[in-house]
């Protein structure tokens, strides 16, 4: 009897990092269930965070850039296409003071230029897309407009390579960089000023 090894993922050339100074030996386990349906790969340069309630389980730290201005009473938000947000997840932003956090009730992907996120209650703040407003996923609804803390923030890392997602939905082992220099224009998802602060001096964005 012979054994055969089946390769579940492929890695692609990494251009995001100029320098990698430190990583987590052996990589980390990224939870595939938190990725949106139809995801075929996790790109290099994706910020990931460890789940405080399930150590050694890592998730994408989800963010998206606003595509169009939003009024202070808006319940729909036009956002860029490159995001991992799903219905039921809670969005907020710390880039604008006193922004609340509410769950996404619908995502319309029909427009080729942008997606539309609908929330049950307005975030309550006028936002200008030209200001580079970034919406983030947070852990719980925030009706008072406090600090929009990313849902996964116990430990942070950034994926080293682009890794394919198995069609079977298996969790994915990914290389996880904990110190390095990145080309910000090549990042797959936006990184807000607040998230850069959380990442600390271990990462340099150029």
N, C-alpha and C. Protein backbone atom coordinates (compact mmCIF):
# COMPACT_ATOMS: atom_id res chain seq x y z
N UNK A 1 0.85 -1.20 0.00
CA UNK A 1 0.00 0.00 0.00
C UNK A 1 0.89 1.25 0.00
N UNK A 2 0.57 2.20 -0.86
CA UNK A 2 1.34 3.45 -0.93
C UNK A 2 0.46 4.62 -0.54
N UNK A 3 1.10 5.67 -0.08
CA UNK A 3 0.40 6.88 0.32
C UNK A 3 0.65 7.98 -0.71
N UNK A 4 -0.39 8.79 -0.96
CA UNK A 4 -0.26 9.92 -1.86
C UNK A 4 -0.52 11.21 -1.12
N UNK A 5 0.29 12.21 -1.36
CA UNK A 5 0.10 13.52 -0.75
C UNK A 5 -0.69 14.40 -1.70
N UNK A 6 -1.72 15.03 -1.18
CA UNK A 6 -2.55 15.92 -1.98
C UNK A 6 -2.30 17.35 -1.55
N UNK A 7 -1.92 18.21 -2.49
CA UNK A 7 -1.63 19.62 -2.19
C UNK A 7 -2.92 20.41 -2.24
N UNK A 8 -3.30 21.04 -1.12
CA UNK A 8 -4.57 21.75 -1.03
C UNK A 8 -4.47 23.21 -1.44
N UNK A 9 -3.29 23.81 -1.32
CA UNK A 9 -3.14 25.23 -1.62
C UNK A 9 -1.92 25.48 -2.47
N UNK A 10 -1.92 26.60 -3.16
CA UNK A 10 -0.77 27.04 -3.93
C UNK A 10 -0.38 28.44 -3.46
N UNK A 11 0.90 28.74 -3.48
CA UNK A 11 1.34 30.09 -3.17
C UNK A 11 1.87 30.75 -4.43
N UNK A 12 1.71 32.06 -4.51
CA UNK A 12 2.14 32.82 -5.68
C UNK A 12 3.21 33.82 -5.27
N UNK A 13 3.92 34.33 -6.26
CA UNK A 13 5.02 35.25 -6.00
C UNK A 13 4.56 36.45 -5.17
N UNK A 14 5.37 36.79 -4.19
CA UNK A 14 5.04 37.87 -3.27
C UNK A 14 5.78 39.15 -3.67
N UNK A 15 5.02 40.21 -3.98
CA UNK A 15 5.61 41.51 -4.31
C UNK A 15 5.29 42.56 -3.25
N UNK A 16 4.45 42.21 -2.28
CA UNK A 16 3.97 43.19 -1.30
C UNK A 16 5.09 43.60 -0.34
N UNK A 17 5.90 42.65 0.06
CA UNK A 17 6.94 42.92 1.06
C UNK A 17 8.25 43.33 0.39
N UNK A 18 8.79 44.46 0.81
CA UNK A 18 10.15 44.81 0.42
C UNK A 18 11.16 44.03 1.27
N UNK A 19 10.84 43.94 2.56
CA UNK A 19 11.70 43.18 3.47
C UNK A 19 10.84 42.45 4.49
N UNK A 20 11.25 41.25 4.82
CA UNK A 20 10.61 40.48 5.90
C UNK A 20 11.67 40.23 6.97
N UNK A 21 11.42 40.75 8.15
CA UNK A 21 12.39 40.63 9.24
C UNK A 21 12.05 39.51 10.22
N UNK A 22 10.75 39.21 10.35
CA UNK A 22 10.35 38.21 11.35
C UNK A 22 9.00 37.63 10.96
N UNK A 23 8.83 36.33 11.18
CA UNK A 23 7.53 35.72 10.95
C UNK A 23 7.26 34.66 12.01
N UNK A 24 6.09 34.04 11.93
CA UNK A 24 5.72 32.99 12.87
C UNK A 24 6.12 31.65 12.26
N UNK A 25 7.05 30.94 12.87
CA UNK A 25 7.53 29.67 12.30
C UNK A 25 6.38 28.71 12.03
N UNK A 26 6.33 28.19 10.83
CA UNK A 26 5.30 27.22 10.47
C UNK A 26 3.99 27.84 10.02
N UNK A 27 3.85 29.15 10.17
CA UNK A 27 2.62 29.82 9.75
C UNK A 27 1.52 29.70 10.78
N UNK A 28 0.31 30.13 10.38
CA UNK A 28 -0.85 30.09 11.27
C UNK A 28 -2.05 29.53 10.52
N UNK A 29 -3.06 29.12 11.28
CA UNK A 29 -4.26 28.52 10.70
C UNK A 29 -5.33 29.60 10.52
N UNK A 30 -5.67 29.89 9.27
CA UNK A 30 -6.67 30.90 8.95
C UNK A 30 -8.02 30.23 8.76
N UNK A 31 -9.05 30.76 9.45
CA UNK A 31 -10.37 30.16 9.42
C UNK A 31 -11.09 30.50 8.11
N UNK A 32 -11.33 29.48 7.29
CA UNK A 32 -11.96 29.69 5.99
C UNK A 32 -13.43 30.10 6.12
N UNK A 33 -14.08 29.72 7.21
CA UNK A 33 -15.50 30.01 7.37
C UNK A 33 -15.78 31.51 7.45
N UNK A 34 -14.79 32.29 7.85
CA UNK A 34 -15.02 33.74 7.98
C UNK A 34 -14.83 34.47 6.65
N UNK A 35 -14.36 33.77 5.61
CA UNK A 35 -14.21 34.38 4.30
C UNK A 35 -15.56 34.41 3.59
N UNK A 36 -15.76 35.42 2.76
CA UNK A 36 -17.04 35.51 2.06
C UNK A 36 -17.12 34.44 0.97
N UNK A 37 -18.33 34.07 0.61
CA UNK A 37 -18.56 33.03 -0.39
C UNK A 37 -17.89 33.41 -1.71
N UNK A 38 -17.31 32.41 -2.35
CA UNK A 38 -16.68 32.63 -3.65
C UNK A 38 -15.23 33.05 -3.58
N UNK A 39 -14.68 33.20 -2.37
CA UNK A 39 -13.27 33.58 -2.23
C UNK A 39 -12.38 32.45 -2.74
N UNK A 40 -11.48 32.78 -3.65
CA UNK A 40 -10.60 31.76 -4.23
C UNK A 40 -9.17 31.85 -3.71
N UNK A 41 -8.81 33.00 -3.11
CA UNK A 41 -7.47 33.13 -2.58
C UNK A 41 -7.43 34.18 -1.48
N UNK A 42 -6.43 34.05 -0.62
CA UNK A 42 -6.13 35.06 0.38
C UNK A 42 -4.84 35.72 -0.06
N UNK A 43 -4.88 37.01 -0.45
CA UNK A 43 -3.70 37.65 -1.03
C UNK A 43 -2.61 37.94 -0.01
N UNK A 44 -1.38 37.98 -0.49
CA UNK A 44 -0.27 38.47 0.32
C UNK A 44 -0.56 39.90 0.74
N UNK A 45 -0.19 40.24 1.97
CA UNK A 45 -0.44 41.58 2.47
C UNK A 45 -1.76 41.75 3.18
N UNK A 46 -2.47 40.65 3.45
CA UNK A 46 -3.74 40.70 4.17
C UNK A 46 -3.47 40.73 5.67
N UNK A 47 -4.03 41.73 6.35
CA UNK A 47 -3.88 41.79 7.81
C UNK A 47 -4.77 40.73 8.44
N UNK A 48 -4.23 39.95 9.36
CA UNK A 48 -4.98 38.92 10.05
C UNK A 48 -4.81 39.09 11.55
N UNK A 49 -5.80 38.60 12.31
CA UNK A 49 -5.75 38.72 13.76
C UNK A 49 -6.14 37.40 14.42
N UNK A 50 -5.57 37.16 15.58
CA UNK A 50 -5.87 35.94 16.33
C UNK A 50 -7.16 36.13 17.12
N UNK A 51 -7.96 35.08 17.18
CA UNK A 51 -9.23 35.10 17.91
C UNK A 51 -8.94 34.91 19.40
N UNK A 52 -9.30 35.91 20.19
CA UNK A 52 -9.02 35.84 21.63
C UNK A 52 -9.74 34.66 22.29
N UNK A 53 -10.92 34.30 21.78
CA UNK A 53 -11.70 33.22 22.37
C UNK A 53 -11.25 31.85 21.89
N UNK A 54 -10.50 31.81 20.80
CA UNK A 54 -9.99 30.54 20.25
C UNK A 54 -8.54 30.74 19.81
N UNK A 55 -7.60 30.76 20.76
CA UNK A 55 -6.20 30.97 20.42
C UNK A 55 -5.72 30.01 19.33
N UNK A 56 -4.85 30.51 18.47
CA UNK A 56 -4.29 29.79 17.33
C UNK A 56 -5.25 29.72 16.16
N UNK A 57 -6.44 30.31 16.30
CA UNK A 57 -7.35 30.47 15.18
C UNK A 57 -7.27 31.92 14.71
N UNK A 58 -6.96 32.10 13.44
CA UNK A 58 -6.75 33.43 12.89
C UNK A 58 -7.81 33.77 11.85
N UNK A 59 -8.09 35.07 11.72
CA UNK A 59 -9.12 35.55 10.80
C UNK A 59 -8.62 36.79 10.06
N UNK A 60 -9.19 37.04 8.89
CA UNK A 60 -8.91 38.29 8.19
C UNK A 60 -9.47 39.45 9.00
N UNK A 61 -8.66 40.50 9.19
CA UNK A 61 -9.12 41.74 9.81
C UNK A 61 -9.78 42.54 8.70
N UNK A 62 -11.11 42.59 8.70
CA UNK A 62 -11.85 43.06 7.53
C UNK A 62 -11.99 44.58 7.50
N UNK A 63 -11.77 45.13 6.31
CA UNK A 63 -11.89 46.57 6.11
C UNK A 63 -12.26 46.83 4.66
N UNK A 64 -12.81 48.03 4.42
CA UNK A 64 -13.17 48.40 3.05
C UNK A 64 -13.15 49.93 2.94
N UNK A 65 -12.80 50.41 1.78
CA UNK A 65 -12.71 51.85 1.54
C UNK A 65 -14.03 52.36 0.99
N UNK A 66 -14.50 53.48 1.53
CA UNK A 66 -15.73 54.10 1.05
C UNK A 66 -15.56 54.54 -0.40
N UNK A 67 -16.58 54.28 -1.23
CA UNK A 67 -16.53 54.63 -2.65
C UNK A 67 -17.18 55.98 -2.93
N UNK A 68 -18.22 56.33 -2.17
CA UNK A 68 -18.95 57.58 -2.38
C UNK A 68 -19.29 58.20 -1.04
N UNK A 69 -19.53 59.52 -1.06
CA UNK A 69 -19.90 60.23 0.17
C UNK A 69 -21.16 59.63 0.78
N UNK A 70 -21.29 59.76 2.09
CA UNK A 70 -22.47 59.27 2.80
C UNK A 70 -22.97 60.34 3.76
N UNK A 71 -24.28 60.58 3.77
CA UNK A 71 -24.88 61.57 4.67
C UNK A 71 -24.94 61.01 6.09
N UNK A 72 -25.19 61.89 7.06
CA UNK A 72 -25.20 61.45 8.46
C UNK A 72 -26.41 60.61 8.81
N UNK A 73 -27.40 60.52 7.89
CA UNK A 73 -28.57 59.66 8.13
C UNK A 73 -28.62 58.48 7.18
N UNK A 74 -27.52 58.21 6.50
CA UNK A 74 -27.49 57.12 5.52
C UNK A 74 -27.60 55.75 6.18
N UNK A 75 -28.27 54.85 5.50
CA UNK A 75 -28.30 53.45 5.93
C UNK A 75 -27.73 52.55 4.83
N UNK A 76 -27.30 53.16 3.72
CA UNK A 76 -26.60 52.42 2.66
C UNK A 76 -25.28 53.12 2.38
N UNK A 77 -24.26 52.32 2.13
CA UNK A 77 -22.92 52.86 1.93
C UNK A 77 -22.28 52.20 0.72
N UNK A 78 -21.89 53.03 -0.26
CA UNK A 78 -21.16 52.53 -1.42
C UNK A 78 -19.71 52.31 -1.02
N UNK A 79 -19.19 51.11 -1.29
CA UNK A 79 -17.82 50.77 -0.91
C UNK A 79 -17.09 50.12 -2.08
N UNK A 80 -15.77 50.15 -2.02
CA UNK A 80 -14.97 49.51 -3.05
C UNK A 80 -15.22 48.00 -3.06
N UNK A 81 -14.94 47.40 -4.18
CA UNK A 81 -15.23 45.98 -4.37
C UNK A 81 -14.33 45.05 -3.53
N UNK A 82 -13.11 45.49 -3.27
CA UNK A 82 -12.15 44.58 -2.62
C UNK A 82 -12.36 44.54 -1.11
N UNK A 83 -13.22 43.63 -0.68
CA UNK A 83 -13.46 43.47 0.75
C UNK A 83 -13.91 42.05 1.04
N UNK A 84 -13.90 41.69 2.32
CA UNK A 84 -14.32 40.36 2.77
C UNK A 84 -15.55 40.41 3.67
N UNK A 85 -16.24 41.54 3.71
CA UNK A 85 -17.39 41.70 4.60
C UNK A 85 -18.56 40.83 4.16
N UNK A 86 -19.32 40.37 5.17
CA UNK A 86 -20.49 39.53 4.92
C UNK A 86 -21.69 40.07 5.68
N UNK A 87 -22.88 39.69 5.23
CA UNK A 87 -24.11 40.06 5.93
C UNK A 87 -24.05 39.52 7.36
N UNK A 88 -24.46 40.36 8.32
CA UNK A 88 -24.44 39.99 9.73
C UNK A 88 -23.24 40.52 10.47
N UNK A 89 -22.17 40.85 9.76
CA UNK A 89 -21.00 41.42 10.42
C UNK A 89 -21.24 42.90 10.71
N UNK A 90 -20.57 43.41 11.73
CA UNK A 90 -20.82 44.76 12.23
C UNK A 90 -19.73 45.70 11.72
N UNK A 91 -20.13 46.84 11.19
CA UNK A 91 -19.16 47.79 10.66
C UNK A 91 -19.19 49.11 11.43
N UNK A 92 -18.05 49.75 11.45
CA UNK A 92 -17.89 51.06 12.06
C UNK A 92 -16.63 51.68 11.49
N UNK A 93 -16.25 52.85 11.99
CA UNK A 93 -14.98 53.45 11.61
C UNK A 93 -14.50 54.36 12.73
N UNK A 94 -13.19 54.33 12.96
CA UNK A 94 -12.60 55.26 13.90
C UNK A 94 -12.02 56.47 13.17
N UNK A 95 -12.05 56.45 11.85
CA UNK A 95 -11.50 57.56 11.09
C UNK A 95 -12.39 58.80 11.19
N UNK A 96 -13.62 58.61 11.61
CA UNK A 96 -14.54 59.73 11.83
C UNK A 96 -15.00 59.66 13.28
N UNK A 97 -14.95 60.78 13.99
CA UNK A 97 -15.30 60.78 15.41
C UNK A 97 -16.76 60.41 15.63
N UNK A 98 -17.02 59.67 16.70
CA UNK A 98 -18.37 59.33 17.16
C UNK A 98 -19.20 58.57 16.14
N UNK A 99 -18.57 57.71 15.37
CA UNK A 99 -19.31 56.86 14.45
C UNK A 99 -19.77 55.60 15.18
N UNK A 100 -21.03 55.24 15.01
CA UNK A 100 -21.59 54.08 15.68
C UNK A 100 -21.26 52.81 14.90
N UNK A 101 -21.67 51.67 15.43
CA UNK A 101 -21.44 50.40 14.75
C UNK A 101 -22.70 49.57 14.68
N UNK A 102 -23.05 49.12 13.48
CA UNK A 102 -24.26 48.32 13.29
C UNK A 102 -24.01 47.19 12.30
N UNK A 103 -24.86 46.17 12.37
CA UNK A 103 -24.70 44.99 11.53
C UNK A 103 -25.12 45.27 10.09
N UNK A 104 -24.42 44.64 9.17
CA UNK A 104 -24.79 44.70 7.75
C UNK A 104 -26.01 43.80 7.55
N UNK A 105 -27.06 44.35 6.94
CA UNK A 105 -28.28 43.57 6.69
C UNK A 105 -28.37 43.09 5.25
N UNK A 106 -27.63 43.72 4.34
CA UNK A 106 -27.65 43.31 2.94
C UNK A 106 -26.40 43.84 2.25
N UNK A 107 -25.94 43.11 1.23
CA UNK A 107 -24.84 43.56 0.38
C UNK A 107 -25.25 43.40 -1.07
N UNK A 108 -25.33 44.51 -1.79
CA UNK A 108 -25.69 44.50 -3.21
C UNK A 108 -24.40 44.58 -4.03
N UNK A 109 -24.13 43.53 -4.81
CA UNK A 109 -22.90 43.47 -5.60
C UNK A 109 -23.17 43.67 -7.09
N UNK A 110 -24.36 44.14 -7.44
CA UNK A 110 -24.77 44.19 -8.84
C UNK A 110 -24.04 45.25 -9.67
N UNK A 111 -23.54 46.30 -9.03
CA UNK A 111 -22.83 47.34 -9.76
C UNK A 111 -21.37 46.92 -9.96
N UNK A 112 -20.85 47.11 -11.16
CA UNK A 112 -19.50 46.67 -11.46
C UNK A 112 -18.44 47.53 -10.78
N UNK A 113 -18.80 48.74 -10.38
CA UNK A 113 -17.82 49.68 -9.83
C UNK A 113 -17.74 49.66 -8.31
N UNK A 114 -18.80 49.23 -7.64
CA UNK A 114 -18.83 49.27 -6.18
C UNK A 114 -19.89 48.32 -5.65
N UNK A 115 -19.80 48.01 -4.35
CA UNK A 115 -20.85 47.27 -3.64
C UNK A 115 -21.60 48.25 -2.75
N UNK A 116 -22.81 47.88 -2.38
CA UNK A 116 -23.61 48.71 -1.47
C UNK A 116 -23.88 47.91 -0.21
N UNK A 117 -23.39 48.42 0.93
CA UNK A 117 -23.67 47.80 2.22
C UNK A 117 -24.87 48.50 2.85
N UNK A 118 -25.83 47.72 3.32
CA UNK A 118 -26.99 48.26 4.02
C UNK A 118 -26.90 47.88 5.49
N UNK A 119 -27.14 48.86 6.37
CA UNK A 119 -27.19 48.59 7.81
C UNK A 119 -28.57 48.93 8.33
N UNK A 120 -28.97 48.30 9.43
CA UNK A 120 -30.30 48.49 9.97
C UNK A 120 -30.52 49.88 10.53
N UNK A 121 -29.47 50.49 11.05
CA UNK A 121 -29.52 51.83 11.62
C UNK A 121 -28.32 52.61 11.11
N UNK A 122 -28.51 53.88 10.82
CA UNK A 122 -27.42 54.68 10.29
C UNK A 122 -26.22 54.73 11.23
N UNK A 123 -25.02 54.82 10.66
CA UNK A 123 -23.82 55.00 11.47
C UNK A 123 -23.78 56.39 12.08
N UNK A 124 -24.60 57.30 11.55
CA UNK A 124 -24.82 58.57 12.22
C UNK A 124 -23.82 59.68 11.95
N UNK A 125 -22.94 59.47 10.99
CA UNK A 125 -21.93 60.48 10.71
C UNK A 125 -21.79 60.69 9.21
N UNK A 126 -21.74 61.95 8.77
CA UNK A 126 -21.47 62.24 7.36
C UNK A 126 -20.02 61.89 7.05
N UNK A 127 -19.81 61.22 5.92
CA UNK A 127 -18.46 60.79 5.55
C UNK A 127 -18.18 61.15 4.10
N UNK A 128 -16.96 61.59 3.83
CA UNK A 128 -16.54 61.98 2.50
C UNK A 128 -15.54 60.98 1.97
N UNK A 129 -15.84 60.37 0.83
CA UNK A 129 -14.99 59.32 0.28
C UNK A 129 -13.58 59.82 -0.01
N UNK A 130 -13.47 61.08 -0.42
CA UNK A 130 -12.15 61.65 -0.74
C UNK A 130 -11.23 61.70 0.47
N UNK A 131 -11.80 61.63 1.65
CA UNK A 131 -11.00 61.64 2.88
C UNK A 131 -10.37 60.28 3.18
N UNK A 132 -10.69 59.29 2.34
CA UNK A 132 -10.13 57.96 2.56
C UNK A 132 -10.73 57.24 3.74
N UNK A 133 -12.04 57.38 3.94
CA UNK A 133 -12.71 56.75 5.07
C UNK A 133 -12.72 55.23 4.88
N UNK A 134 -12.30 54.52 5.90
CA UNK A 134 -12.24 53.07 5.86
C UNK A 134 -13.20 52.49 6.89
N UNK A 135 -14.14 51.67 6.43
CA UNK A 135 -15.05 50.97 7.34
C UNK A 135 -14.38 49.68 7.79
N UNK A 136 -14.57 49.33 9.07
CA UNK A 136 -13.95 48.13 9.62
C UNK A 136 -14.99 47.24 10.28
N UNK A 137 -14.67 45.96 10.38
CA UNK A 137 -15.52 45.03 11.12
C UNK A 137 -15.16 45.11 12.60
N UNK A 138 -16.19 45.27 13.46
CA UNK A 138 -15.97 45.29 14.91
C UNK A 138 -16.76 44.16 15.54
N UNK A 139 -16.53 43.95 16.83
CA UNK A 139 -17.05 42.76 17.50
C UNK A 139 -18.52 42.85 17.87
N UNK A 140 -18.97 44.04 18.29
CA UNK A 140 -20.35 44.16 18.79
C UNK A 140 -20.92 45.50 18.36
N UNK A 141 -22.26 45.57 18.28
CA UNK A 141 -22.90 46.82 17.91
C UNK A 141 -22.59 47.90 18.93
N UNK A 142 -22.40 49.13 18.44
CA UNK A 142 -22.00 50.25 19.28
C UNK A 142 -22.98 51.39 19.05
N UNK A 143 -23.97 51.50 19.91
CA UNK A 143 -25.03 52.50 19.72
C UNK A 143 -24.62 53.88 20.20
N UNK A 144 -23.50 53.97 20.92
CA UNK A 144 -23.09 55.26 21.48
C UNK A 144 -22.01 55.95 20.67
N UNK A 145 -21.42 55.24 19.71
CA UNK A 145 -20.38 55.84 18.90
C UNK A 145 -19.04 55.91 19.60
N UNK A 146 -18.61 54.81 20.17
CA UNK A 146 -17.32 54.76 20.85
C UNK A 146 -16.20 54.37 19.91
N UNK A 147 -15.20 53.68 20.43
CA UNK A 147 -14.04 53.29 19.64
C UNK A 147 -14.34 52.06 18.79
N UNK A 148 -14.11 52.18 17.50
CA UNK A 148 -14.34 51.06 16.59
C UNK A 148 -13.15 50.12 16.57
N UNK A 149 -13.10 49.20 17.52
CA UNK A 149 -11.96 48.28 17.65
C UNK A 149 -12.17 47.08 16.72
N UNK A 150 -11.16 46.70 15.93
CA UNK A 150 -11.30 45.53 15.07
C UNK A 150 -11.73 44.29 15.85
N UNK A 151 -12.53 43.44 15.25
CA UNK A 151 -13.06 42.27 15.95
C UNK A 151 -11.94 41.35 16.44
N UNK A 152 -10.94 41.15 15.62
CA UNK A 152 -9.82 40.28 16.00
C UNK A 152 -8.59 41.15 16.22
N UNK A 153 -8.20 41.33 17.48
CA UNK A 153 -7.12 42.27 17.77
C UNK A 153 -6.20 41.82 18.89
N UNK A 154 -6.23 40.52 19.23
CA UNK A 154 -5.34 40.02 20.28
C UNK A 154 -3.89 40.05 19.81
N UNK A 155 -3.64 39.49 18.65
CA UNK A 155 -2.33 39.51 18.00
C UNK A 155 -2.55 39.74 16.52
N UNK A 156 -1.67 40.52 15.92
CA UNK A 156 -1.78 40.79 14.49
C UNK A 156 -0.60 40.20 13.73
N UNK A 157 -0.84 39.90 12.45
CA UNK A 157 0.22 39.52 11.52
C UNK A 157 -0.27 39.91 10.13
N UNK A 158 0.60 39.75 9.15
CA UNK A 158 0.23 40.03 7.76
C UNK A 158 0.66 38.85 6.91
N UNK A 159 -0.24 38.38 6.04
CA UNK A 159 0.05 37.18 5.26
C UNK A 159 1.26 37.39 4.35
N UNK A 160 2.10 36.38 4.32
CA UNK A 160 3.38 36.48 3.59
C UNK A 160 3.20 36.26 2.09
N UNK A 161 2.36 35.33 1.72
CA UNK A 161 2.17 34.96 0.32
C UNK A 161 0.68 34.92 -0.02
N UNK A 162 0.39 34.90 -1.31
CA UNK A 162 -0.98 34.67 -1.77
C UNK A 162 -1.24 33.17 -1.75
N UNK A 163 -2.30 32.77 -1.05
CA UNK A 163 -2.60 31.35 -0.87
C UNK A 163 -3.99 31.05 -1.42
N UNK A 164 -4.09 30.01 -2.20
CA UNK A 164 -5.37 29.61 -2.76
C UNK A 164 -6.26 28.99 -1.69
N UNK A 165 -7.57 29.24 -1.81
CA UNK A 165 -8.57 28.69 -0.88
C UNK A 165 -9.13 27.41 -1.48
N UNK A 166 -9.12 26.35 -0.70
CA UNK A 166 -9.64 25.07 -1.17
C UNK A 166 -11.14 25.13 -1.39
N UNK A 167 -11.61 24.54 -2.48
CA UNK A 167 -13.05 24.49 -2.77
C UNK A 167 -13.80 23.70 -1.72
N UNK A 168 -13.10 22.85 -0.98
CA UNK A 168 -13.74 22.04 0.07
C UNK A 168 -14.02 22.84 1.33
N UNK A 169 -13.49 24.09 1.40
CA UNK A 169 -13.75 24.93 2.56
C UNK A 169 -12.86 24.63 3.75
N UNK A 170 -11.75 23.93 3.51
CA UNK A 170 -10.84 23.63 4.61
C UNK A 170 -10.15 24.90 5.11
N UNK A 171 -9.80 24.93 6.40
CA UNK A 171 -9.00 26.03 6.92
C UNK A 171 -7.64 26.03 6.24
N UNK A 172 -6.96 27.17 6.26
CA UNK A 172 -5.79 27.36 5.42
C UNK A 172 -4.58 27.71 6.27
N UNK A 173 -3.47 27.04 6.01
CA UNK A 173 -2.21 27.43 6.65
C UNK A 173 -1.59 28.54 5.82
N UNK A 174 -1.27 29.65 6.46
CA UNK A 174 -0.68 30.79 5.76
C UNK A 174 0.59 31.24 6.47
N UNK A 175 1.55 31.72 5.70
CA UNK A 175 2.73 32.34 6.28
C UNK A 175 2.33 33.66 6.91
N UNK A 176 2.82 33.94 8.12
CA UNK A 176 2.38 35.11 8.88
C UNK A 176 3.58 35.95 9.29
N UNK A 177 3.71 37.13 8.70
CA UNK A 177 4.81 38.03 8.98
C UNK A 177 4.47 38.91 10.19
N UNK A 178 5.39 39.04 11.11
CA UNK A 178 5.17 39.88 12.30
C UNK A 178 6.08 41.10 12.34
N UNK A 179 6.98 41.21 11.35
CA UNK A 179 7.84 42.39 11.27
C UNK A 179 8.36 42.51 9.85
N UNK A 180 8.11 43.69 9.22
CA UNK A 180 8.59 43.84 7.86
C UNK A 180 8.23 45.19 7.27
N UNK A 181 8.68 45.39 6.02
CA UNK A 181 8.41 46.61 5.25
C UNK A 181 7.53 46.26 4.07
N UNK A 182 6.40 47.00 3.92
CA UNK A 182 5.42 46.69 2.88
C UNK A 182 5.25 47.85 1.92
N UNK A 183 4.90 47.52 0.67
CA UNK A 183 4.53 48.53 -0.33
C UNK A 183 3.03 48.74 -0.21
N UNK A 184 2.62 49.88 0.35
CA UNK A 184 1.20 50.09 0.68
C UNK A 184 0.30 50.04 -0.55
N UNK A 185 0.78 50.54 -1.68
CA UNK A 185 -0.05 50.56 -2.89
C UNK A 185 -0.38 49.17 -3.41
N UNK A 186 0.34 48.14 -2.96
CA UNK A 186 0.11 46.78 -3.41
C UNK A 186 -0.72 45.96 -2.43
N UNK A 187 -1.12 46.56 -1.32
CA UNK A 187 -1.92 45.83 -0.34
C UNK A 187 -3.30 45.52 -0.92
N UNK A 188 -3.83 44.33 -0.66
CA UNK A 188 -5.13 43.95 -1.22
C UNK A 188 -6.31 44.65 -0.58
N UNK A 189 -6.18 45.02 0.70
CA UNK A 189 -7.26 45.67 1.44
C UNK A 189 -6.71 46.93 2.12
N UNK A 190 -7.55 47.95 2.32
CA UNK A 190 -7.06 49.18 2.93
C UNK A 190 -6.70 49.00 4.40
N UNK A 191 -5.70 49.74 4.83
CA UNK A 191 -5.26 49.72 6.23
C UNK A 191 -5.39 51.14 6.77
N UNK A 192 -6.28 51.33 7.72
CA UNK A 192 -6.52 52.67 8.27
C UNK A 192 -5.35 53.11 9.15
N UNK A 193 -5.32 54.41 9.43
CA UNK A 193 -4.29 54.95 10.32
C UNK A 193 -4.38 54.31 11.70
N UNK A 194 -5.62 54.05 12.16
CA UNK A 194 -5.79 53.44 13.48
C UNK A 194 -5.24 52.01 13.50
N UNK A 195 -5.47 51.26 12.42
CA UNK A 195 -4.97 49.89 12.37
C UNK A 195 -3.44 49.89 12.29
N UNK A 196 -2.87 50.84 11.56
CA UNK A 196 -1.41 50.93 11.51
C UNK A 196 -0.85 51.16 12.92
N UNK A 197 -1.54 51.98 13.71
CA UNK A 197 -1.11 52.21 15.09
C UNK A 197 -1.16 50.92 15.88
N UNK A 198 -2.21 50.12 15.67
CA UNK A 198 -2.32 48.84 16.38
C UNK A 198 -1.22 47.87 15.94
N UNK A 199 -0.86 47.91 14.67
CA UNK A 199 0.21 47.03 14.18
C UNK A 199 1.55 47.43 14.77
N UNK A 200 1.70 48.72 15.07
CA UNK A 200 2.90 49.19 15.75
C UNK A 200 4.09 49.41 14.82
N UNK A 201 5.22 49.68 15.44
CA UNK A 201 6.44 50.02 14.71
C UNK A 201 7.07 48.81 14.02
N UNK A 202 6.52 47.63 14.25
CA UNK A 202 7.07 46.42 13.63
C UNK A 202 6.81 46.38 12.14
N UNK A 203 5.85 47.19 11.66
CA UNK A 203 5.57 47.24 10.23
C UNK A 203 5.79 48.65 9.70
N UNK A 204 6.50 48.74 8.58
CA UNK A 204 6.73 50.01 7.93
C UNK A 204 6.03 49.99 6.57
N UNK A 205 5.16 50.97 6.33
CA UNK A 205 4.42 51.07 5.08
C UNK A 205 5.07 52.14 4.21
N UNK A 206 5.49 51.76 3.00
CA UNK A 206 6.17 52.71 2.12
C UNK A 206 5.43 52.82 0.78
